[in-house]
Amino acid sequence: MPVRIEDIVDALGPRIPGADESRTEFRLGVYLLHNGTAPRPALLHKARSISAAVAEYFFRATDGRMLVLPNPNSAP
């Protein structure tokens, strides 16, 4: 059964807040669990790459309307 946006709005009401007033910037934190005192550089690089890929995915998937910012403490 096809469902249109109009059908969802009719059933649930309008979006609150509206798209123009809603948040568009989000912070992303990634936890890296490891043994020892410092993570292996390759593992840390992989975690940072995944974080960057998630940010890029949401930016593209929303046509640039959503910005995901990785935690500055985990930035390369």
PDB file of N, CA and C in Angstrom:
ATOM      1  N   MET A   1       0.841  -1.172   0.000  1.00  0.00           N
ATOM      2  CA  MET A   1       0.000   0.000   0.000  1.00  0.00           C
ATOM      3  C   MET A   1       0.894   1.246   0.000  1.00  0.00           C
ATOM      4  N   PRO A   2       0.776   2.078  -0.988  1.00  0.00           N
ATOM      5  CA  PRO A   2       1.569   3.302  -1.033  1.00  0.00           C
ATOM      6  C   PRO A   2       1.163   4.262   0.095  1.00  0.00           C
ATOM      7  N   VAL A   3       2.152   4.889   0.690  1.00  0.00           N
ATOM      8  CA  VAL A   3       1.910   5.881   1.739  1.00  0.00           C
ATOM      9  C   VAL A   3       2.574   7.175   1.300  1.00  0.00           C
ATOM     10  N   ARG A   4       1.797   8.237   1.252  1.00  0.00           N
ATOM     11  CA  ARG A   4       2.316   9.542   0.862  1.00  0.00           C
ATOM     12  C   ARG A   4       2.595  10.382   2.111  1.00  0.00           C
ATOM     13  N   ILE A   5       3.458  11.365   1.981  1.00  0.00           N
ATOM     14  CA  ILE A   5       3.735  12.280   3.086  1.00  0.00           C
ATOM     15  C   ILE A   5       2.431  12.911   3.570  1.00  0.00           C
ATOM     16  N   GLU A   6       1.565  13.258   2.654  1.00  0.00           N
ATOM     17  CA  GLU A   6       0.287  13.863   3.013  1.00  0.00           C
ATOM     18  C   GLU A   6      -0.526  12.930   3.908  1.00  0.00           C
ATOM     19  N   ASP A   7      -0.460  11.620   3.665  1.00  0.00           N
ATOM     20  CA  ASP A   7      -1.177  10.646   4.494  1.00  0.00           C
ATOM     21  C   ASP A   7      -0.628  10.641   5.925  1.00  0.00           C
ATOM     22  N   ILE A   8       0.685  10.744   6.057  1.00  0.00           N
ATOM     23  CA  ILE A   8       1.309  10.767   7.377  1.00  0.00           C
ATOM     24  C   ILE A   8       0.923  12.044   8.120  1.00  0.00           C
ATOM     25  N   VAL A   9       0.960  13.177   7.424  1.00  0.00           N
ATOM     26  CA  VAL A   9       0.578  14.455   8.048  1.00  0.00           C
ATOM     27  C   VAL A   9      -0.885  14.418   8.460  1.00  0.00           C
ATOM     28  N   ASP A  10      -1.739  13.843   7.628  1.00  0.00           N
ATOM     29  CA  ASP A  10      -3.166  13.740   7.968  1.00  0.00           C
ATOM     30  C   ASP A  10      -3.362  12.894   9.232  1.00  0.00           C
ATOM     31  N   ALA A  11      -2.583  11.832   9.368  1.00  0.00           N
ATOM     32  CA  ALA A  11      -2.737  10.927  10.510  1.00  0.00           C
ATOM     33  C   ALA A  11      -2.086  11.462  11.782  1.00  0.00           C
ATOM     34  N   LEU A  12      -0.930  12.122  11.648  1.00  0.00           N
ATOM     35  CA  LEU A  12      -0.161  12.523  12.828  1.00  0.00           C
ATOM     36  C   LEU A  12      -0.137  14.019  13.085  1.00  0.00           C
ATOM     37  N   GLY A  13      -0.562  14.795  12.121  1.00  0.00           N
ATOM     38  CA  GLY A  13      -0.496  16.245  12.266  1.00  0.00           C
ATOM     39  C   GLY A  13       0.808  16.769  11.699  1.00  0.00           C
ATOM     40  N   PRO A  14       0.952  18.093  11.675  1.00  0.00           N
ATOM     41  CA  PRO A  14       2.156  18.683  11.099  1.00  0.00           C
ATOM     42  C   PRO A  14       3.387  18.426  11.974  1.00  0.00           C
ATOM     43  N   ARG A  15       4.523  18.499  11.358  1.00  0.00           N
ATOM     44  CA  ARG A  15       5.793  18.319  12.056  1.00  0.00           C
ATOM     45  C   ARG A  15       6.030  19.501  12.994  1.00  0.00           C
ATOM     46  N   ILE A  16       6.434  19.172  14.236  1.00  0.00           N
ATOM     47  CA  ILE A  16       6.741  20.207  15.223  1.00  0.00           C
ATOM     48  C   ILE A  16       8.091  19.875  15.834  1.00  0.00           C
ATOM     49  N   PRO A  17       9.099  20.726  15.712  1.00  0.00           N
ATOM     50  CA  PRO A  17       9.099  21.973  14.953  1.00  0.00           C
ATOM     51  C   PRO A  17       9.148  21.683  13.460  1.00  0.00           C
ATOM     52  N   GLY A  18       8.777  22.651  12.681  1.00  0.00           N
ATOM     53  CA  GLY A  18       8.824  22.511  11.236  1.00  0.00           C
ATOM     54  C   GLY A  18      10.257  22.361  10.742  1.00  0.00           C
ATOM     55  N   ALA A  19      10.413  21.929   9.526  1.00  0.00           N
ATOM     56  CA  ALA A  19      11.742  21.690   8.964  1.00  0.00           C
ATOM     57  C   ALA A  19      12.610  22.948   8.984  1.00  0.00           C
ATOM     58  N   ASP A  20      12.002  24.112   8.781  1.00  0.00           N
ATOM     59  CA  ASP A  20      12.775  25.358   8.764  1.00  0.00           C
ATOM     60  C   ASP A  20      13.261  25.775  10.153  1.00  0.00           C
ATOM     61  N   GLU A  21      12.567  25.325  11.197  1.00  0.00           N
ATOM     62  CA  GLU A  21      12.928  25.712  12.564  1.00  0.00           C
ATOM     63  C   GLU A  21      13.696  24.624  13.317  1.00  0.00           C
ATOM     64  N   SER A  22      13.815  23.455  12.750  1.00  0.00           N
ATOM     65  CA  SER A  22      14.442  22.345  13.482  1.00  0.00           C
ATOM     66  C   SER A  22      15.968  22.428  13.439  1.00  0.00           C
ATOM     67  N   ARG A  23      16.575  21.687  14.344  1.00  0.00           N
ATOM     68  CA  ARG A  23      18.042  21.628  14.402  1.00  0.00           C
ATOM     69  C   ARG A  23      18.599  21.023  13.132  1.00  0.00           C
ATOM     70  N   THR A  24      19.730  21.522  12.701  1.00  0.00           N
ATOM     71  CA  THR A  24      20.374  20.964  11.513  1.00  0.00           C
ATOM     72  C   THR A  24      21.819  20.556  11.799  1.00  0.00           C
ATOM     73  N   GLU A  25      22.302  20.885  12.992  1.00  0.00           N
ATOM     74  CA  GLU A  25      23.692  20.578  13.339  1.00  0.00           C
ATOM     75  C   GLU A  25      23.708  19.656  14.559  1.00  0.00           C
ATOM     76  N   PHE A  26      24.434  18.552  14.437  1.00  0.00           N
ATOM     77  CA  PHE A  26      24.493  17.550  15.491  1.00  0.00           C
ATOM     78  C   PHE A  26      25.944  17.181  15.768  1.00  0.00           C
ATOM     79  N   ARG A  27      26.246  16.846  17.007  1.00  0.00           N
ATOM     80  CA  ARG A  27      27.581  16.385  17.409  1.00  0.00           C
ATOM     81  C   ARG A  27      27.583  14.868  17.436  1.00  0.00           C
ATOM     82  N   LEU A  28      28.690  14.287  17.020  1.00  0.00           N
ATOM     83  CA  LEU A  28      28.837  12.835  16.996  1.00  0.00           C
ATOM     84  C   LEU A  28      30.023  12.447  17.860  1.00  0.00           C
ATOM     85  N   GLY A  29      29.774  11.601  18.839  1.00  0.00           N
ATOM     86  CA  GLY A  29      30.852  11.062  19.673  1.00  0.00           C
ATOM     87  C   GLY A  29      31.017   9.583  19.387  1.00  0.00           C
ATOM     88  N   VAL A  30      32.238   9.140  19.258  1.00  0.00           N
ATOM     89  CA  VAL A  30      32.530   7.731  18.990  1.00  0.00           C
ATOM     90  C   VAL A  30      33.421   7.223  20.114  1.00  0.00           C
ATOM     91  N   TYR A  31      33.012   6.128  20.732  1.00  0.00           N
ATOM     92  CA  TYR A  31      33.818   5.519  21.786  1.00  0.00           C
ATOM     93  C   TYR A  31      34.630   4.390  21.184  1.00  0.00           C
ATOM     94  N   LEU A  32      35.902   4.381  21.478  1.00  0.00           N
ATOM     95  CA  LEU A  32      36.799   3.336  20.993  1.00  0.00           C
ATOM     96  C   LEU A  32      37.297   2.560  22.211  1.00  0.00           C
ATOM     97  N   LEU A  33      36.862   1.312  22.303  1.00  0.00           N
ATOM     98  CA  LEU A  33      37.279   0.460  23.418  1.00  0.00           C
ATOM     99  C   LEU A  33      38.510  -0.330  22.997  1.00  0.00           C
ATOM    100  N   HIS A  34      39.522  -0.338  23.865  1.00  0.00           N
ATOM    101  CA  HIS A  34      40.765  -1.018  23.512  1.00  0.00           C
ATOM    102  C   HIS A  34      41.478  -1.448  24.787  1.00  0.00           C
ATOM    103  N   ASN A  35      42.423  -2.342  24.653  1.00  0.00           N
ATOM    104  CA  ASN A  35      43.263  -2.758  25.774  1.00  0.00           C
ATOM    105  C   ASN A  35      44.514  -1.900  25.800  1.00  0.00           C
ATOM    106  N   GLY A  36      45.040  -1.655  26.978  1.00  0.00           N
ATOM    107  CA  GLY A  36      46.292  -0.908  27.067  1.00  0.00           C
ATOM    108  C   GLY A  36      46.077   0.556  27.366  1.00  0.00           C
ATOM    109  N   THR A  37      47.145   1.319  27.331  1.00  0.00           N
ATOM    110  CA  THR A  37      47.078   2.732  27.686  1.00  0.00           C
ATOM    111  C   THR A  37      46.767   3.628  26.498  1.00  0.00           C
ATOM    112  N   ALA A  38      47.060   3.193  25.303  1.00  0.00           N
ATOM    113  CA  ALA A  38      46.779   3.992  24.104  1.00  0.00           C
ATOM    114  C   ALA A  38      46.310   3.056  22.993  1.00  0.00           C
ATOM    115  N   PRO A  39      45.345   3.506  22.199  1.00  0.00           N
ATOM    116  CA  PRO A  39      44.889   2.652  21.103  1.00  0.00           C
ATOM    117  C   PRO A  39      45.948   2.528  20.017  1.00  0.00           C
ATOM    118  N   ARG A  40      45.887   1.429  19.311  1.00  0.00           N
ATOM    119  CA  ARG A  40      46.788   1.267  18.164  1.00  0.00           C
ATOM    120  C   ARG A  40      46.458   2.355  17.146  1.00  0.00           C
ATOM    121  N   PRO A  41      47.471   2.953  16.531  1.00  0.00           N
ATOM    122  CA  PRO A  41      47.219   4.023  15.559  1.00  0.00           C
ATOM    123  C   PRO A  41      46.279   3.609  14.427  1.00  0.00           C
ATOM    124  N   ALA A  42      46.400   2.388  13.946  1.00  0.00           N
ATOM    125  CA  ALA A  42      45.538   1.937  12.850  1.00  0.00           C
ATOM    126  C   ALA A  42      44.079   1.859  13.300  1.00  0.00           C
ATOM    127  N   LEU A  43      43.847   1.422  14.527  1.00  0.00           N
ATOM    128  CA  LEU A  43      42.492   1.322  15.051  1.00  0.00           C
ATOM    129  C   LEU A  43      41.895   2.711  15.271  1.00  0.00           C
ATOM    130  N   LEU A  44      42.695   3.627  15.773  1.00  0.00           N
ATOM    131  CA  LEU A  44      42.247   5.000  15.963  1.00  0.00           C
ATOM    132  C   LEU A  44      41.922   5.651  14.617  1.00  0.00           C
ATOM    133  N   HIS A  45      42.746   5.408  13.624  1.00  0.00           N
ATOM    134  CA  HIS A  45      42.498   5.943  12.281  1.00  0.00           C
ATOM    135  C   HIS A  45      41.189   5.389  11.715  1.00  0.00           C
ATOM    136  N   LYS A  46      40.944   4.092  11.924  1.00  0.00           N
ATOM    137  CA  LYS A  46      39.719   3.469  11.424  1.00  0.00           C
ATOM    138  C   LYS A  46      38.491   4.086  12.094  1.00  0.00           C
ATOM    139  N   ALA A  47      38.547   4.297  13.414  1.00  0.00           N
ATOM    140  CA  ALA A  47      37.423   4.908  14.126  1.00  0.00           C
ATOM    141  C   ALA A  47      37.162   6.321  13.618  1.00  0.00           C
ATOM    142  N   ARG A  48      38.198   7.086  13.401  1.00  0.00           N
ATOM    143  CA  ARG A  48      38.045   8.457  12.878  1.00  0.00           C
ATOM    144  C   ARG A  48      37.493   8.447  11.455  1.00  0.00           C
ATOM    145  N   SER A  49      37.902   7.463  10.662  1.00  0.00           N
ATOM    146  CA  SER A  49      37.397   7.348   9.289  1.00  0.00           C
ATOM    147  C   SER A  49      35.913   7.021   9.280  1.00  0.00           C
ATOM    148  N   ILE A  50      35.490   6.142  10.189  1.00  0.00           N
ATOM    149  CA  ILE A  50      34.069   5.799  10.286  1.00  0.00           C
ATOM    150  C   ILE A  50      33.271   7.027  10.695  1.00  0.00           C
ATOM    151  N   SER A  51      33.761   7.776  11.662  1.00  0.00           N
ATOM    152  CA  SER A  51      33.096   8.997  12.112  1.00  0.00           C
ATOM    153  C   SER A  51      32.943   9.990  10.960  1.00  0.00           C
ATOM    154  N   ALA A  52      33.991  10.181  10.188  1.00  0.00           N
ATOM    155  CA  ALA A  52      33.940  11.090   9.042  1.00  0.00           C
ATOM    156  C   ALA A  52      32.971  10.585   7.977  1.00  0.00           C
ATOM    157  N   ALA A  53      32.915   9.268   7.777  1.00  0.00           N
ATOM    158  CA  ALA A  53      32.000   8.690   6.784  1.00  0.00           C
ATOM    159  C   ALA A  53      30.549   8.880   7.201  1.00  0.00           C
ATOM    160  N   VAL A  54      30.248   8.747   8.490  1.00  0.00           N
ATOM    161  CA  VAL A  54      28.890   8.972   8.977  1.00  0.00           C
ATOM    162  C   VAL A  54      28.490  10.426   8.739  1.00  0.00           C
ATOM    163  N   ALA A  55      29.383  11.350   9.054  1.00  0.00           N
ATOM    164  CA  ALA A  55      29.107  12.773   8.832  1.00  0.00           C
ATOM    165  C   ALA A  55      28.832  13.049   7.356  1.00  0.00           C
ATOM    166  N   GLU A  56      29.654  12.490   6.488  1.00  0.00           N
ATOM    167  CA  GLU A  56      29.488  12.685   5.045  1.00  0.00           C
ATOM    168  C   GLU A  56      28.182  12.071   4.554  1.00  0.00           C
ATOM    169  N   TYR A  57      27.839  10.888   5.062  1.00  0.00           N
ATOM    170  CA  TYR A  57      26.601  10.213   4.652  1.00  0.00           C
ATOM    171  C   TYR A  57      25.385  11.096   4.955  1.00  0.00           C
ATOM    172  N   PHE A  58      25.282  11.590   6.195  1.00  0.00           N
ATOM    173  CA  PHE A  58      24.115  12.390   6.548  1.00  0.00           C
ATOM    174  C   PHE A  58      24.080  13.708   5.782  1.00  0.00           C
ATOM    175  N   PHE A  59      25.229  14.299   5.512  1.00  0.00           N
ATOM    176  CA  PHE A  59      25.265  15.525   4.722  1.00  0.00           C
ATOM    177  C   PHE A  59      24.706  15.269   3.323  1.00  0.00           C
ATOM    178  N   ARG A  60      25.161  14.193   2.696  1.00  0.00           N
ATOM    179  CA  ARG A  60      24.685  13.870   1.335  1.00  0.00           C
ATOM    180  C   ARG A  60      23.234  13.407   1.327  1.00  0.00           C
ATOM    181  N   ALA A  61      22.866  12.576   2.317  1.00  0.00           N
ATOM    182  CA  ALA A  61      21.506  12.018   2.359  1.00  0.00           C
ATOM    183  C   ALA A  61      20.450  13.092   2.582  1.00  0.00           C
ATOM    184  N   THR A  62      20.842  14.199   3.202  1.00  0.00           N
ATOM    185  CA  THR A  62      19.891  15.285   3.459  1.00  0.00           C
ATOM    186  C   THR A  62      20.094  16.464   2.517  1.00  0.00           C
ATOM    187  N   ASP A  63      20.823  16.253   1.454  1.00  0.00           N
ATOM    188  CA  ASP A  63      21.112  17.325   0.490  1.00  0.00           C
ATOM    189  C   ASP A  63      21.718  18.544   1.171  1.00  0.00           C
ATOM    190  N   GLY A  64      22.603  18.290   2.136  1.00  0.00           N
ATOM    191  CA  GLY A  64      23.318  19.361   2.810  1.00  0.00           C
ATOM    192  C   GLY A  64      22.536  20.058   3.908  1.00  0.00           C
ATOM    193  N   ARG A  65      21.337  19.558   4.235  1.00  0.00           N
ATOM    194  CA  ARG A  65      20.529  20.211   5.275  1.00  0.00           C
ATOM    195  C   ARG A  65      20.932  19.786   6.681  1.00  0.00           C
ATOM    196  N   MET A  66      21.640  18.661   6.825  1.00  0.00           N
ATOM    197  CA  MET A  66      22.039  18.166   8.145  1.00  0.00           C
ATOM    198  C   MET A  66      23.556  18.105   8.222  1.00  0.00           C
ATOM    199  N   LEU A  67      24.096  18.664   9.284  1.00  0.00           N
ATOM    200  CA  LEU A  67      25.539  18.673   9.476  1.00  0.00           C
ATOM    201  C   LEU A  67      25.867  17.888  10.749  1.00  0.00           C
ATOM    202  N   VAL A  68      26.633  16.825  10.596  1.00  0.00           N
ATOM    203  CA  VAL A  68      27.076  16.015  11.728  1.00  0.00           C
ATOM    204  C   VAL A  68      28.540  16.356  11.970  1.00  0.00           C
ATOM    205  N   LEU A  69      28.820  16.839  13.169  1.00  0.00           N
ATOM    206  CA  LEU A  69      30.178  17.230  13.518  1.00  0.00           C
ATOM    207  C   LEU A  69      30.789  16.210  14.469  1.00  0.00           C
ATOM    208  N   PRO A  70      31.859  15.541  14.049  1.00  0.00           N
ATOM    209  CA  PRO A  70      32.515  14.605  14.959  1.00  0.00           C
ATOM    210  C   PRO A  70      33.055  15.337  16.187  1.00  0.00           C
ATOM    211  N   ASN A  71      33.101  14.644  17.296  1.00  0.00           N
ATOM    212  CA  ASN A  71      33.614  15.188  18.554  1.00  0.00           C
ATOM    213  C   ASN A  71      35.001  15.773  18.319  1.00  0.00           C
ATOM    214  N   PRO A  72      35.228  17.016  18.727  1.00  0.00           N
ATOM    215  CA  PRO A  72      36.547  17.623  18.487  1.00  0.00           C
ATOM    216  C   PRO A  72      37.668  16.874  19.203  1.00  0.00           C
ATOM    217  N   ASN A  73      37.353  16.160  20.279  1.00  0.00           N
ATOM    218  CA  ASN A  73      38.391  15.391  20.977  1.00  0.00           C
ATOM    219  C   ASN A  73      38.852  14.184  20.185  1.00  0.00           C
ATOM    220  N   SER A  74      38.053  13.799  19.175  1.00  0.00           N
ATOM    221  CA  SER A  74      38.440  12.642  18.375  1.00  0.00           C
ATOM    222  C   SER A  74      38.930  13.040  16.990  1.00  0.00           C
ATOM    223  N   ALA A  75      39.048  14.332  16.748  1.00  0.00           N
ATOM    224  CA  ALA A  75      39.493  14.802  15.430  1.00  0.00           C
ATOM    225  C   ALA A  75      40.944  14.402  15.184  1.00  0.00           C
ATOM    226  N   PRO A  76      41.269  14.110  13.924  1.00  0.00           N
ATOM    227  CA  PRO A  76      42.645  13.733  13.592  1.00  0.00           C
ATOM    228  C   PRO A  76      43.646  14.844  13.858  1.00  0.00           C
TER     229      PRO A  76
END
